[in-house]
């Protein structure tokens, strides 16, 4: 029953992704589904992988690393939650993509760790597009400078931007922030800065995010159900 439920939910999310992409004249293959496994047991993660999940996202390094060890490397792992500087050593190299770089100090620490590890870590800059005091992320005013300075770090590969809009029961409440981020990414690309990826949209608003240009969506509840289900 659990296997069927996860598989059915995953397939329904994929169908909704295709429909949203087609509504906005986009190729559905331009959008990657990051299956969020925060609070999800390893058995349920395996069921999602069996149903076709290819990219998994975790919020915390300390929760992710044991899962990566047990579940294995048949999938990509992304870090999508806040990263503290003292966890940079553990995070660098453990994740294909880190979505949540929110300060130049953190970026520089990650660059040092990546240099020591002999790798080039892929990252996104998290943007506080809604100017919420409770949220992490680079401010709108600081973003251009952050992109320039981070893209110059030799052991980080800046891939794009990420944002988390304010909670809302109405997906349309998120659209304004998605549209702003996509527009800003376009401006940065036009002056040669590397912001190809846009990580935006979760279970309640991913269709609006796709319609506004998301290339990565982060979906957990719509696949696994509410935490503890």
Foldseek 3Di string as FASTA:
>chain_A
DLLVQLLVLVVVVLVLLCVLQVVLVHDSLLAAEAAEQELNDLVSVVSNVVSPRAHYEYADLVVPPVSCVVNHDSHFYEHEHADDLVCLLSPQPPGQEYEDAADPVSLVSNLVSLVVVVAAHEYAFEEALVPDPVDGGYYPVCVVVSQVSSCPRPRYHYAAYEYEDDDDQDLVSCLVSLLVRLVVLVVCVVVPTHHNAYEDEEDRHVSSNSSNPHSYYYYYCSNNNPNPD
